[in-house]
Protein backbone atom coordinates (compact mmCIF):
# COMPACT_ATOMS: atom_id res chain seq x y z
CA UNK A 1 80.61 92.22 98.90
CA UNK A 2 79.40 95.45 100.18
CA UNK A 3 82.34 97.68 101.54
CA UNK A 4 81.71 100.88 103.50
CA UNK A 5 84.18 103.76 103.78
CA UNK A 6 83.21 106.16 106.35
CA UNK A 7 85.23 109.76 106.08
CA UNK A 8 85.21 111.07 109.61
CA UNK A 9 85.42 114.77 108.41
CA UNK A 10 83.02 116.84 106.64
CA UNK A 11 84.48 117.28 103.24
CA UNK A 12 82.25 115.42 100.77
CA UNK A 13 85.07 115.68 97.90
CA UNK A 14 87.44 113.56 99.87
CA UNK A 15 84.79 110.95 100.50
CA UNK A 16 84.21 110.93 96.69
CA UNK A 17 88.19 110.66 95.88
CA UNK A 18 88.75 107.83 98.58
CA UNK A 19 85.59 105.48 97.31
CA UNK A 20 87.17 106.05 93.84
CA UNK A 21 90.88 104.86 95.04
CA UNK A 22 89.09 101.73 96.78
CA UNK A 23 86.81 100.71 94.04
CA UNK A 24 89.87 100.84 91.83
CA UNK A 25 91.74 98.53 94.21
CA UNK A 26 88.55 95.95 94.35
CA UNK A 27 86.46 96.44 91.34
CA UNK A 28 84.69 93.32 92.21
CA UNK A 29 83.12 94.93 95.45
CA UNK A 30 80.43 97.46 95.82
CA UNK A 31 82.05 100.35 97.49
CA UNK A 32 80.10 102.81 99.34
CA UNK A 33 81.04 106.22 101.00
CA UNK A 34 79.59 108.08 103.79
CA UNK A 35 80.68 111.54 104.94
CA UNK A 36 80.45 112.40 108.60
CA UNK A 37 78.79 115.82 108.23
CA UNK A 38 79.29 116.53 112.10
CA UNK A 39 82.77 116.19 111.91
CA UNK A 40 85.17 119.05 111.17
CA UNK A 41 86.24 119.67 107.60
CA UNK A 42 89.69 118.00 108.22
CA UNK A 43 91.17 115.86 110.89
CA UNK A 44 94.66 117.47 112.01
CA UNK A 45 95.55 116.52 115.54
CA UNK A 46 93.98 114.70 118.47
CA UNK A 47 91.31 117.25 119.07
CA UNK A 48 89.94 117.24 115.52
CA UNK A 49 89.67 113.39 116.09
CA UNK A 50 87.61 113.70 119.17
CA UNK A 51 85.45 116.26 117.67
CA UNK A 52 84.52 113.58 114.85
CA UNK A 53 84.03 110.54 117.00
CA UNK A 54 80.23 111.07 118.03
CA UNK A 55 79.18 111.65 114.50
CA UNK A 56 81.32 108.82 112.96
CA UNK A 57 79.70 106.38 115.67
CA UNK A 58 76.29 107.73 115.03
CA UNK A 59 76.49 106.12 111.66
CA UNK A 60 76.98 102.66 112.73
CA UNK A 61 73.35 101.84 113.03
CA UNK A 62 72.82 102.88 109.39
CA UNK A 63 75.89 100.73 108.18
CA UNK A 64 74.13 97.87 109.95
CA UNK A 65 70.85 98.62 108.00
CA UNK A 66 72.77 98.96 104.78
CA UNK A 67 74.25 95.36 105.37
CA UNK A 68 77.62 96.67 105.19
CA UNK A 69 80.20 93.42 104.93
CA UNK A 70 82.96 95.46 106.24
CA UNK A 71 83.64 99.17 107.34
CA UNK A 72 86.78 101.25 106.93
CA UNK A 73 87.39 104.25 108.82
CA UNK A 74 88.94 106.71 105.99
CA UNK A 75 91.14 108.70 108.10
CA UNK A 76 94.91 107.95 108.79
CA UNK A 77 94.71 108.66 112.19
CA UNK A 78 92.31 105.87 112.64
CA UNK A 79 89.84 108.05 114.40
CA UNK A 80 87.53 106.43 116.81
CA UNK A 81 88.50 102.81 115.25
CA UNK A 82 88.55 100.78 118.63
CA UNK A 83 84.90 102.18 119.79
CA UNK A 84 83.76 101.64 116.18
CA UNK A 85 85.00 98.09 116.38
CA UNK A 86 83.11 97.52 119.81
CA UNK A 87 79.91 98.65 118.45
CA UNK A 88 79.84 97.62 114.63
CA UNK A 89 78.26 94.45 113.29
CA UNK A 90 81.06 93.69 110.79
CA UNK A 91 84.71 93.89 110.55
CA UNK A 92 86.16 97.60 111.15
CA UNK A 93 89.33 98.81 109.67
CA UNK A 94 91.26 101.96 109.67
CA UNK A 95 93.32 103.11 106.86
CA UNK A 96 96.24 103.79 109.03
CA UNK A 97 96.53 100.24 110.46
CA UNK A 98 95.80 98.84 107.06
CA UNK A 99 98.78 100.88 105.65
CA UNK A 100 101.17 99.66 108.45
CA UNK A 101 100.05 96.07 108.25
CA UNK A 102 100.62 96.26 104.30
CA UNK A 103 104.06 97.70 104.85
CA UNK A 104 105.09 95.04 107.20
CA UNK A 105 104.07 92.25 104.72
CA UNK A 106 106.08 93.90 102.18
CA UNK A 107 109.06 93.34 104.34
CA UNK A 108 112.01 95.81 105.35
CA UNK A 109 111.27 98.91 107.51
CA UNK A 110 108.74 101.56 106.38
CA UNK A 111 108.50 105.04 106.98
CA UNK A 112 105.23 107.60 106.89
CA UNK A 113 104.79 110.85 105.20
CA UNK A 114 101.91 112.73 106.52
CA UNK A 115 100.50 116.18 106.73
CA UNK A 116 101.01 118.64 109.41
CA UNK A 117 103.24 118.31 112.67
CA UNK A 118 100.34 118.18 114.98
CA UNK A 119 99.09 114.65 113.38
CA UNK A 120 102.42 113.18 114.04
CA UNK A 121 102.02 112.18 117.87
CA UNK A 122 98.69 110.19 116.78
CA UNK A 123 100.29 108.37 114.33
CA UNK A 124 103.49 107.50 116.16
CA UNK A 125 101.24 106.67 119.27
CA UNK A 126 99.10 104.34 116.65
CA UNK A 127 102.30 102.70 115.39
CA UNK A 128 103.53 101.71 118.92
CA UNK A 129 100.23 100.46 120.05
CA UNK A 130 99.75 98.26 116.82
CA UNK A 131 103.32 96.95 117.42
CA UNK A 132 104.96 98.67 114.47
CA UNK A 133 107.54 100.77 116.28
CA UNK A 134 110.58 98.78 115.68
CA UNK A 135 109.71 98.57 112.05
CA UNK A 136 109.07 102.34 111.37
CA UNK A 137 111.96 104.45 110.70
CA UNK A 138 109.75 107.64 111.67
CA UNK A 139 106.98 109.61 110.73
CA UNK A 140 107.71 112.80 108.46
CA UNK A 141 105.46 115.77 108.38
CA UNK A 142 105.07 117.52 105.15
CA UNK A 143 103.66 120.63 106.49
CA UNK A 144 100.73 120.52 104.11
CA UNK A 145 97.31 120.70 105.45
CA UNK A 146 94.93 117.76 104.72
CA UNK A 147 92.76 119.84 102.14
CA UNK A 148 95.82 121.15 100.20
CA UNK A 149 96.97 117.45 99.95
CA UNK A 150 93.45 116.36 98.58
CA UNK A 151 93.71 119.29 96.04
CA UNK A 152 96.80 118.57 95.09
CA UNK A 153 98.86 120.52 92.59
CA UNK A 154 102.47 121.08 91.27
CA UNK A 155 103.50 122.20 94.49
CA UNK A 156 102.10 119.82 96.83
CA UNK A 157 103.12 117.10 94.47
CA UNK A 158 107.14 118.44 94.80
CA UNK A 159 106.98 118.61 98.59
CA UNK A 160 105.44 115.11 98.94
CA UNK A 161 108.08 113.73 96.44
CA UNK A 162 111.02 115.31 98.66
CA UNK A 163 109.59 113.90 101.87
CA UNK A 164 109.29 110.58 100.19
CA UNK A 165 112.70 110.64 99.13
CA UNK A 166 113.93 111.60 102.52
CA UNK A 167 112.00 108.95 104.19
CA UNK A 168 113.65 106.45 101.72
CA UNK A 169 117.35 108.07 102.81
CA UNK A 170 116.25 107.31 106.29
CA UNK A 171 116.26 103.46 105.52
CA UNK A 172 112.61 102.92 104.46
CA UNK A 173 112.18 100.14 102.12
CA UNK A 174 108.39 101.28 101.65
CA UNK A 175 106.52 104.47 102.31
CA UNK A 176 103.16 104.53 103.88
CA UNK A 177 101.13 107.65 102.72
CA UNK A 178 99.81 109.36 105.77
CA UNK A 179 96.33 111.00 104.63
CA UNK A 180 93.60 109.56 102.78
CA UNK A 181 94.05 112.62 100.31
CA UNK A 182 97.24 111.28 99.21
CA UNK A 183 95.54 107.99 97.78
CA UNK A 184 94.76 109.82 94.51
CA UNK A 185 98.51 110.68 94.17
CA UNK A 186 100.15 107.46 94.56
CA UNK A 187 100.94 106.59 90.90
CA UNK A 188 102.22 110.07 90.27
CA UNK A 189 104.40 110.20 93.38
CA UNK A 190 105.89 106.41 92.55
CA UNK A 191 109.50 106.46 90.85
CA UNK A 192 111.33 103.69 89.25
CA UNK A 193 114.00 102.48 92.15
CA UNK A 194 112.52 104.25 94.63
CA UNK A 195 110.46 103.04 97.67
CA UNK A 196 107.08 101.18 97.56
CA UNK A 197 104.43 103.55 98.11
CA UNK A 198 101.54 102.13 100.29
CA UNK A 199 98.26 103.90 100.17
CA UNK A 200 96.23 103.19 102.91
CA UNK A 201 92.72 103.44 101.18
CA UNK A 202 93.75 100.55 98.53
CA UNK A 203 95.47 98.51 101.27
CA UNK A 204 92.38 98.49 103.45
CA UNK A 205 90.10 97.94 100.55
CA UNK A 206 92.18 95.03 99.90
CA UNK A 207 92.41 93.65 103.69
CA UNK A 208 88.95 94.09 104.47
CA UNK A 209 88.12 91.74 101.38
CA UNK A 210 90.24 89.28 102.92
CA UNK A 211 88.87 90.02 106.43
CA UNK A 212 85.28 89.34 105.12
CA UNK A 213 86.40 86.17 103.45
CA UNK A 214 87.68 84.66 106.48
CA UNK A 215 84.84 85.73 108.61
CA UNK A 216 82.99 83.78 106.20
CA UNK A 217 85.31 80.69 106.65
CA UNK A 218 85.00 80.85 110.35
CA UNK A 219 81.21 80.99 110.01
CA UNK A 220 81.15 77.84 108.15
CA UNK A 221 83.79 75.98 110.24
């Protein structure tokens, strides 16, 4: 299976870490990572998302030529997901939607820890439109910019750890990590007895394999 991750922002280092997280989740797949060099350096709120969509969609004909079996939009806001699905030749997933679905499959209520407050309305809107509002305890902004999360460091991890604990105190059985840059920190942030942490990059890789397999079953029927 050839799985393509499209990073809607223009930071290639994030693309590399996204591919590494996805490949670790599905070692049997071929994982490609493309960067939208026409996008903003980070997607933080609706305006950045809107600015990223044209460049993202322009990559879809190339994805067809590359014979991608599934495409993942590697931004937790699921930037351009609906438009990409309408244009693409194969299943298209978003890491946000994949994370919410995986949390629902785990059972119980889930919380989200994300980056800046400006991202919260977009994420809350997606959760509602996907039908998960009743299952979500809330979206907690950490106050950390996207690229700071990607870089990591003790202070970043401490802040994320605090917000994860607060989400658990709100009643979340699972916590969805609300930024692609958090994927590389999931293991470090996991605590014995704490909430299950769901990384949308790994979740989307696993669900993309399932979607591709199901598409094959339908084609053979």
